[in-house]
Amino acid sequence: MKKENGKAKVLNKTEFNRVIKYQSNTRHGLRNVLLLHLSFFIGLRAKEMSVLTIGDLIDVNGDLKDEVTLKRHQTKRKKQRRFYLTNDKLKKVLIKYLNTRKEIEGDLDLNAPLITNQMSGRFSSASLQQLFKKMYTSVGIDGSSHSGRRSFCTNLSECGVSITNLQTLMGHQSISTTALYINENPKILGKITAGYSL
């Protein structure tokens, strides 16, 4: 899909798969693939990914949580929000990533950052935004850390998800903000008008 002025590019399936394939073969491939999945399949912001801990996503028994509630200090404008670890593709990558961390570190520290930089420390929001830009540029795509969020919102909208549910999933205070994330798709608009009758 083409990029709208001033808005992050919405990626199609082919473009998403191209980024995933390339990143899978890089030094920090599994971590980067997880970041892309967190962005595309639950619409997380770079800031939110940068402050996630392992314990936000798994319980004391090491099982993935179905529903995650982010605390106010973890979100934009200190608005508590929730997301769901129910997407099979995301869960598969997340489990593989956590198992790899466990092999390297032993028992997982629930207070440790989920996403770590090369020094095993926490990313800043700005450095994660730069990493996303670099991941897209590496395959010739003019994307940003918001490309996954816009793709998530647009694709769910095209599948018929209501804007009020999208507002909750995106963690927006206003439906008008959510509406800005939805990219117009001429093919879908054409189908809507083609089937209309009085």
C-alpha atoms as a PDB file:
ATOM      1  CA  MET A   1       0.000   0.000   0.000  1.00  0.00           C
ATOM      2  CA  LYS A   2       1.260   3.452  -0.735  1.00  0.00           C
ATOM      3  CA  LYS A   3       2.423   5.742   2.039  1.00  0.00           C
ATOM      4  CA  GLU A   4       0.105   8.638   2.883  1.00  0.00           C
ATOM      5  CA  ASN A   5       1.732  12.027   3.479  1.00  0.00           C
ATOM      6  CA  GLY A   6       2.965  12.341   7.056  1.00  0.00           C
ATOM      7  CA  LYS A   7       1.812   8.834   8.009  1.00  0.00           C
ATOM      8  CA  ALA A   8       3.758   5.636   8.520  1.00  0.00           C
ATOM      9  CA  LYS A   9       3.622   3.220   5.604  1.00  0.00           C
ATOM     10  CA  VAL A  10       1.096   0.370   5.827  1.00  0.00           C
ATOM     11  CA  LEU A  11       2.803  -2.835   4.707  1.00  0.00           C
ATOM     12  CA  ASN A  12       1.142  -5.557   2.681  1.00  0.00           C
ATOM     13  CA  LYS A  13       1.703  -9.259   3.385  1.00  0.00           C
ATOM     14  CA  THR A  14       4.498  -9.569   0.803  1.00  0.00           C
ATOM     15  CA  GLU A  15       6.416  -6.625   2.275  1.00  0.00           C
ATOM     16  CA  PHE A  16       5.982  -7.930   5.820  1.00  0.00           C
ATOM     17  CA  ASN A  17       7.247 -11.375   4.814  1.00  0.00           C
ATOM     18  CA  ARG A  18      10.216  -9.792   3.047  1.00  0.00           C
ATOM     19  CA  VAL A  19      11.279  -7.963   6.218  1.00  0.00           C
ATOM     20  CA  ILE A  20      10.777 -11.102   8.330  1.00  0.00           C
ATOM     21  CA  LYS A  21      12.797 -13.266   5.923  1.00  0.00           C
ATOM     22  CA  TYR A  22      15.692 -10.814   5.835  1.00  0.00           C
ATOM     23  CA  GLN A  23      15.727 -10.221   9.604  1.00  0.00           C
ATOM     24  CA  SER A  24      15.585 -13.959  10.327  1.00  0.00           C
ATOM     25  CA  ASN A  25      19.096 -14.249   8.908  1.00  0.00           C
ATOM     26  CA  THR A  26      20.692 -11.362  10.825  1.00  0.00           C
ATOM     27  CA  ARG A  27      22.770 -11.503  14.009  1.00  0.00           C
ATOM     28  CA  HIS A  28      19.843 -10.551  16.249  1.00  0.00           C
ATOM     29  CA  GLY A  29      17.248 -12.101  13.965  1.00  0.00           C
ATOM     30  CA  LEU A  30      14.968 -13.745  16.528  1.00  0.00           C
ATOM     31  CA  ARG A  31      14.771 -10.585  18.645  1.00  0.00           C
ATOM     32  CA  ASN A  32      14.055  -8.448  15.572  1.00  0.00           C
ATOM     33  CA  VAL A  33      11.420 -10.866  14.277  1.00  0.00           C
ATOM     34  CA  LEU A  34       9.740 -10.717  17.707  1.00  0.00           C
ATOM     35  CA  LEU A  35       9.741  -6.911  17.589  1.00  0.00           C
ATOM     36  CA  LEU A  36       8.065  -7.003  14.166  1.00  0.00           C
ATOM     37  CA  HIS A  37       5.446  -9.459  15.446  1.00  0.00           C
ATOM     38  CA  LEU A  38       4.710  -7.330  18.534  1.00  0.00           C
ATOM     39  CA  SER A  39       4.214  -4.376  16.216  1.00  0.00           C
ATOM     40  CA  PHE A  40       2.145  -6.110  13.508  1.00  0.00           C
ATOM     41  CA  PHE A  41       0.043  -8.540  15.553  1.00  0.00           C
ATOM     42  CA  ILE A  42      -0.787  -6.503  18.665  1.00  0.00           C
ATOM     43  CA  GLY A  43       0.014  -2.956  17.581  1.00  0.00           C
ATOM     44  CA  LEU A  44       2.512  -2.071  20.296  1.00  0.00           C
ATOM     45  CA  ARG A  45       4.380   1.239  20.190  1.00  0.00           C
ATOM     46  CA  ALA A  46       8.193   1.334  20.341  1.00  0.00           C
ATOM     47  CA  LYS A  47       7.938   2.941  23.810  1.00  0.00           C
ATOM     48  CA  GLU A  48       5.767   0.084  25.056  1.00  0.00           C
ATOM     49  CA  MET A  49       8.095  -2.572  23.644  1.00  0.00           C
ATOM     50  CA  SER A  50      11.110  -0.857  25.201  1.00  0.00           C
ATOM     51  CA  VAL A  51       9.688  -1.084  28.741  1.00  0.00           C
ATOM     52  CA  LEU A  52       8.132  -4.569  28.596  1.00  0.00           C
ATOM     53  CA  THR A  53       9.488  -7.043  31.112  1.00  0.00           C
ATOM     54  CA  ILE A  54       9.461 -10.816  30.792  1.00  0.00           C
ATOM     55  CA  GLY A  55       7.014 -10.913  33.703  1.00  0.00           C
ATOM     56  CA  ASP A  56       4.554  -8.743  31.794  1.00  0.00           C
ATOM     57  CA  LEU A  57       4.050 -11.619  29.343  1.00  0.00           C
ATOM     58  CA  ILE A  58       4.566 -14.790  31.402  1.00  0.00           C
ATOM     59  CA  ASP A  59       3.328 -15.803  34.826  1.00  0.00           C
ATOM     60  CA  VAL A  60       5.359 -17.264  37.723  1.00  0.00           C
ATOM     61  CA  ASN A  61       4.915 -20.761  36.254  1.00  0.00           C
ATOM     62  CA  GLY A  62       6.461 -19.656  32.955  1.00  0.00           C
ATOM     63  CA  ASP A  63       3.185 -19.811  31.016  1.00  0.00           C
ATOM     64  CA  LEU A  64       2.193 -17.109  28.532  1.00  0.00           C
ATOM     65  CA  LYS A  65      -0.565 -14.825  29.729  1.00  0.00           C
ATOM     66  CA  ASP A  66      -3.617 -14.491  27.477  1.00  0.00           C
ATOM     67  CA  GLU A  67      -4.265 -10.876  28.489  1.00  0.00           C
ATOM     68  CA  VAL A  68      -1.592  -8.339  29.389  1.00  0.00           C
ATOM     69  CA  THR A  69      -2.318  -5.052  31.128  1.00  0.00           C
ATOM     70  CA  LEU A  70       0.314  -2.380  30.722  1.00  0.00           C
ATOM     71  CA  LYS A  71       0.816  -0.092  33.691  1.00  0.00           C
ATOM     72  CA  ARG A  72       0.482   3.646  33.254  1.00  0.00           C
ATOM     73  CA  HIS A  73       4.260   4.263  33.290  1.00  0.00           C
ATOM     74  CA  GLN A  74       4.630   1.846  30.348  1.00  0.00           C
ATOM     75  CA  THR A  75       2.276   3.650  27.983  1.00  0.00           C
ATOM     76  CA  LYS A  76       1.884   6.873  26.047  1.00  0.00           C
ATOM     77  CA  ARG A  77       0.123   9.598  28.038  1.00  0.00           C
ATOM     78  CA  LYS A  78       0.134   7.268  31.067  1.00  0.00           C
ATOM     79  CA  LYS A  79      -3.093   5.603  29.902  1.00  0.00           C
ATOM     80  CA  GLN A  80      -3.429   2.029  31.114  1.00  0.00           C
ATOM     81  CA  ARG A  81      -4.061  -0.377  28.237  1.00  0.00           C
ATOM     82  CA  ARG A  82      -4.342  -4.075  27.592  1.00  0.00           C
ATOM     83  CA  PHE A  83      -3.436  -6.399  24.761  1.00  0.00           C
ATOM     84  CA  TYR A  84      -3.879 -10.082  24.054  1.00  0.00           C
ATOM     85  CA  LEU A  85      -1.298 -12.798  23.416  1.00  0.00           C
ATOM     86  CA  THR A  86      -3.711 -14.910  21.407  1.00  0.00           C
ATOM     87  CA  ASN A  87      -2.231 -14.695  17.893  1.00  0.00           C
ATOM     88  CA  ASP A  88      -0.650 -18.061  17.014  1.00  0.00           C
ATOM     89  CA  LYS A  89       2.144 -16.571  14.879  1.00  0.00           C
ATOM     90  CA  LEU A  90       3.113 -14.158  17.641  1.00  0.00           C
ATOM     91  CA  LYS A  91       2.976 -16.852  20.329  1.00  0.00           C
ATOM     92  CA  LYS A  92       5.204 -19.174  18.305  1.00  0.00           C
ATOM     93  CA  VAL A  93       7.915 -16.499  17.906  1.00  0.00           C
ATOM     94  CA  LEU A  94       7.597 -15.348  21.520  1.00  0.00           C
ATOM     95  CA  ILE A  95       7.938 -18.888  22.928  1.00  0.00           C
ATOM     96  CA  LYS A  96      10.982 -19.538  20.728  1.00  0.00           C
ATOM     97  CA  TYR A  97      12.555 -16.253  21.868  1.00  0.00           C
ATOM     98  CA  LEU A  98      11.901 -16.959  25.563  1.00  0.00           C
ATOM     99  CA  ASN A  99      13.244 -20.516  25.241  1.00  0.00           C
ATOM    100  CA  THR A 100      16.406 -19.160  23.616  1.00  0.00           C
ATOM    101  CA  ARG A 101      16.823 -16.628  26.434  1.00  0.00           C
ATOM    102  CA  LYS A 102      16.328 -19.438  28.968  1.00  0.00           C
ATOM    103  CA  GLU A 103      19.036 -21.563  27.295  1.00  0.00           C
ATOM    104  CA  ILE A 104      21.478 -18.655  27.543  1.00  0.00           C
ATOM    105  CA  GLU A 105      20.497 -17.128  30.909  1.00  0.00           C
ATOM    106  CA  GLY A 106      19.062 -20.064  32.859  1.00  0.00           C
ATOM    107  CA  ASP A 107      15.917 -19.291  34.849  1.00  0.00           C
ATOM    108  CA  LEU A 108      14.247 -16.205  33.419  1.00  0.00           C
ATOM    109  CA  ASP A 109      14.153 -13.107  35.615  1.00  0.00           C
ATOM    110  CA  LEU A 110      10.563 -11.846  35.423  1.00  0.00           C
ATOM    111  CA  ASN A 111      11.789  -8.292  36.080  1.00  0.00           C
ATOM    112  CA  ALA A 112      14.304  -8.370  33.204  1.00  0.00           C
ATOM    113  CA  PRO A 113      13.580  -6.456  29.977  1.00  0.00           C
ATOM    114  CA  LEU A 114      11.829  -8.578  27.351  1.00  0.00           C
ATOM    115  CA  ILE A 115      13.750  -6.931  24.517  1.00  0.00           C
ATOM    116  CA  THR A 116      17.463  -6.399  25.111  1.00  0.00           C
ATOM    117  CA  ASN A 117      20.119  -4.535  23.172  1.00  0.00           C
ATOM    118  CA  GLN A 118      23.601  -5.834  22.311  1.00  0.00           C
ATOM    119  CA  MET A 119      24.789  -5.133  25.863  1.00  0.00           C
ATOM    120  CA  SER A 120      21.832  -7.123  27.313  1.00  0.00           C
ATOM    121  CA  GLY A 121      20.351  -3.879  28.575  1.00  0.00           C
ATOM    122  CA  ARG A 122      17.083  -2.117  27.889  1.00  0.00           C
ATOM    123  CA  PHE A 123      16.481  -0.265  24.618  1.00  0.00           C
ATOM    124  CA  SER A 124      15.362   3.338  24.800  1.00  0.00           C
ATOM    125  CA  SER A 125      12.246   4.218  22.836  1.00  0.00           C
ATOM    126  CA  ALA A 126      14.341   6.295  20.410  1.00  0.00           C
ATOM    127  CA  SER A 127      16.864   3.512  19.794  1.00  0.00           C
ATOM    128  CA  LEU A 128      14.043   1.049  19.074  1.00  0.00           C
ATOM    129  CA  GLN A 129      12.526   3.509  16.603  1.00  0.00           C
ATOM    130  CA  GLN A 130      15.918   3.681  14.865  1.00  0.00           C
ATOM    131  CA  LEU A 131      16.130  -0.126  14.805  1.00  0.00           C
ATOM    132  CA  PHE A 132      12.703  -0.395  13.142  1.00  0.00           C
ATOM    133  CA  LYS A 133      13.745   2.182  10.522  1.00  0.00           C
ATOM    134  CA  LYS A 134      16.940   0.203   9.872  1.00  0.00           C
ATOM    135  CA  MET A 135      15.008  -3.084   9.532  1.00  0.00           C
ATOM    136  CA  TYR A 136      12.729  -1.611   6.868  1.00  0.00           C
ATOM    137  CA  THR A 137      15.520   0.240   5.047  1.00  0.00           C
ATOM    138  CA  SER A 138      17.499  -3.025   4.805  1.00  0.00           C
ATOM    139  CA  VAL A 139      14.854  -4.346   2.373  1.00  0.00           C
ATOM    140  CA  GLY A 140      14.147  -1.054   0.587  1.00  0.00           C
ATOM    141  CA  ILE A 141      10.949  -0.125   2.455  1.00  0.00           C
ATOM    142  CA  ASP A 142      10.317   3.393   3.752  1.00  0.00           C
ATOM    143  CA  GLY A 143       8.818   2.226   7.048  1.00  0.00           C
ATOM    144  CA  SER A 144       8.938   3.342  10.671  1.00  0.00           C
ATOM    145  CA  SER A 145       8.159   1.942  14.117  1.00  0.00           C
ATOM    146  CA  HIS A 146       4.524   2.938  13.493  1.00  0.00           C
ATOM    147  CA  SER A 147       4.235   0.921  10.267  1.00  0.00           C
ATOM    148  CA  GLY A 148       3.293  -2.201  12.212  1.00  0.00           C
ATOM    149  CA  ARG A 149       0.681  -0.319  14.246  1.00  0.00           C
ATOM    150  CA  ARG A 150      -0.904   1.207  11.131  1.00  0.00           C
ATOM    151  CA  SER A 151      -0.834  -2.154   9.338  1.00  0.00           C
ATOM    152  CA  PHE A 152      -2.426  -3.844  12.386  1.00  0.00           C
ATOM    153  CA  CYS A 153      -5.204  -1.241  12.586  1.00  0.00           C
ATOM    154  CA  THR A 154      -5.845  -1.073   8.826  1.00  0.00           C
ATOM    155  CA  ASN A 155      -5.947  -4.852   8.349  1.00  0.00           C
ATOM    156  CA  LEU A 156      -8.334  -5.371  11.279  1.00  0.00           C
ATOM    157  CA  SER A 157     -10.567  -2.580   9.973  1.00  0.00           C
ATOM    158  CA  GLU A 158     -10.654  -4.259   6.545  1.00  0.00           C
ATOM    159  CA  CYS A 159     -11.668  -7.501   8.285  1.00  0.00           C
ATOM    160  CA  GLY A 160     -14.709  -5.715   9.736  1.00  0.00           C
ATOM    161  CA  VAL A 161     -13.481  -5.004  13.291  1.00  0.00           C
ATOM    162  CA  SER A 162     -15.418  -2.052  14.706  1.00  0.00           C
ATOM    163  CA  ILE A 163     -13.616   1.217  15.324  1.00  0.00           C
ATOM    164  CA  THR A 164     -14.536   1.089  19.030  1.00  0.00           C
ATOM    165  CA  ASN A 165     -12.791  -2.286  19.392  1.00  0.00           C
ATOM    166  CA  LEU A 166      -9.855  -0.956  17.378  1.00  0.00           C
ATOM    167  CA  GLN A 167      -9.650   2.036  19.717  1.00  0.00           C
ATOM    168  CA  THR A 168      -9.249  -0.337  22.681  1.00  0.00           C
ATOM    169  CA  LEU A 169      -6.710  -2.546  20.908  1.00  0.00           C
ATOM    170  CA  MET A 170      -4.658   0.485  19.838  1.00  0.00           C
ATOM    171  CA  GLY A 171      -4.755   2.082  23.294  1.00  0.00           C
ATOM    172  CA  HIS A 172      -6.170   5.365  21.994  1.00  0.00           C
ATOM    173  CA  GLN A 173      -8.139   7.843  24.088  1.00  0.00           C
ATOM    174  CA  SER A 174     -10.122   9.039  21.081  1.00  0.00           C
ATOM    175  CA  ILE A 175     -11.773   7.260  18.160  1.00  0.00           C
ATOM    176  CA  SER A 176     -10.668  10.148  15.935  1.00  0.00           C
ATOM    177  CA  THR A 177      -7.037   9.169  16.617  1.00  0.00           C
ATOM    178  CA  THR A 178      -7.796   5.549  15.709  1.00  0.00           C
ATOM    179  CA  ALA A 179      -9.399   6.683  12.451  1.00  0.00           C
ATOM    180  CA  LEU A 180      -6.110   8.330  11.433  1.00  0.00           C
ATOM    181  CA  TYR A 181      -4.380   4.935  11.564  1.00  0.00           C
ATOM    182  CA  ILE A 182      -6.701   3.305   9.041  1.00  0.00           C
ATOM    183  CA  ASN A 183      -5.374   3.457   5.503  1.00  0.00           C
ATOM    184  CA  GLU A 184      -7.926   3.798   2.693  1.00  0.00           C
ATOM    185  CA  ASN A 185      -7.911   0.816   0.337  1.00  0.00           C
ATOM    186  CA  PRO A 186      -9.277   1.662  -3.147  1.00  0.00           C
ATOM    187  CA  LYS A 187     -10.038  -2.010  -3.929  1.00  0.00           C
ATOM    188  CA  ILE A 188     -12.225  -2.349  -0.836  1.00  0.00           C
ATOM    189  CA  LEU A 189     -13.886   1.009  -1.460  1.00  0.00           C
ATOM    190  CA  GLY A 190     -14.694  -0.166  -5.002  1.00  0.00           C
ATOM    191  CA  LYS A 191     -16.242  -3.405  -3.718  1.00  0.00           C
ATOM    192  CA  ILE A 192     -18.394  -1.499  -1.238  1.00  0.00           C
ATOM    193  CA  THR A 193     -19.886   0.744  -3.903  1.00  0.00           C
ATOM    194  CA  ALA A 194     -20.196  -2.105  -6.450  1.00  0.00           C
ATOM    195  CA  GLY A 195     -22.513  -4.051  -4.155  1.00  0.00           C
ATOM    196  CA  TYR A 196     -24.623  -1.088  -3.043  1.00  0.00           C
ATOM    197  CA  SER A 197     -28.239  -0.822  -4.161  1.00  0.00           C
ATOM    198  CA  LEU A 198     -31.442   0.888  -3.031  1.00  0.00           C
END
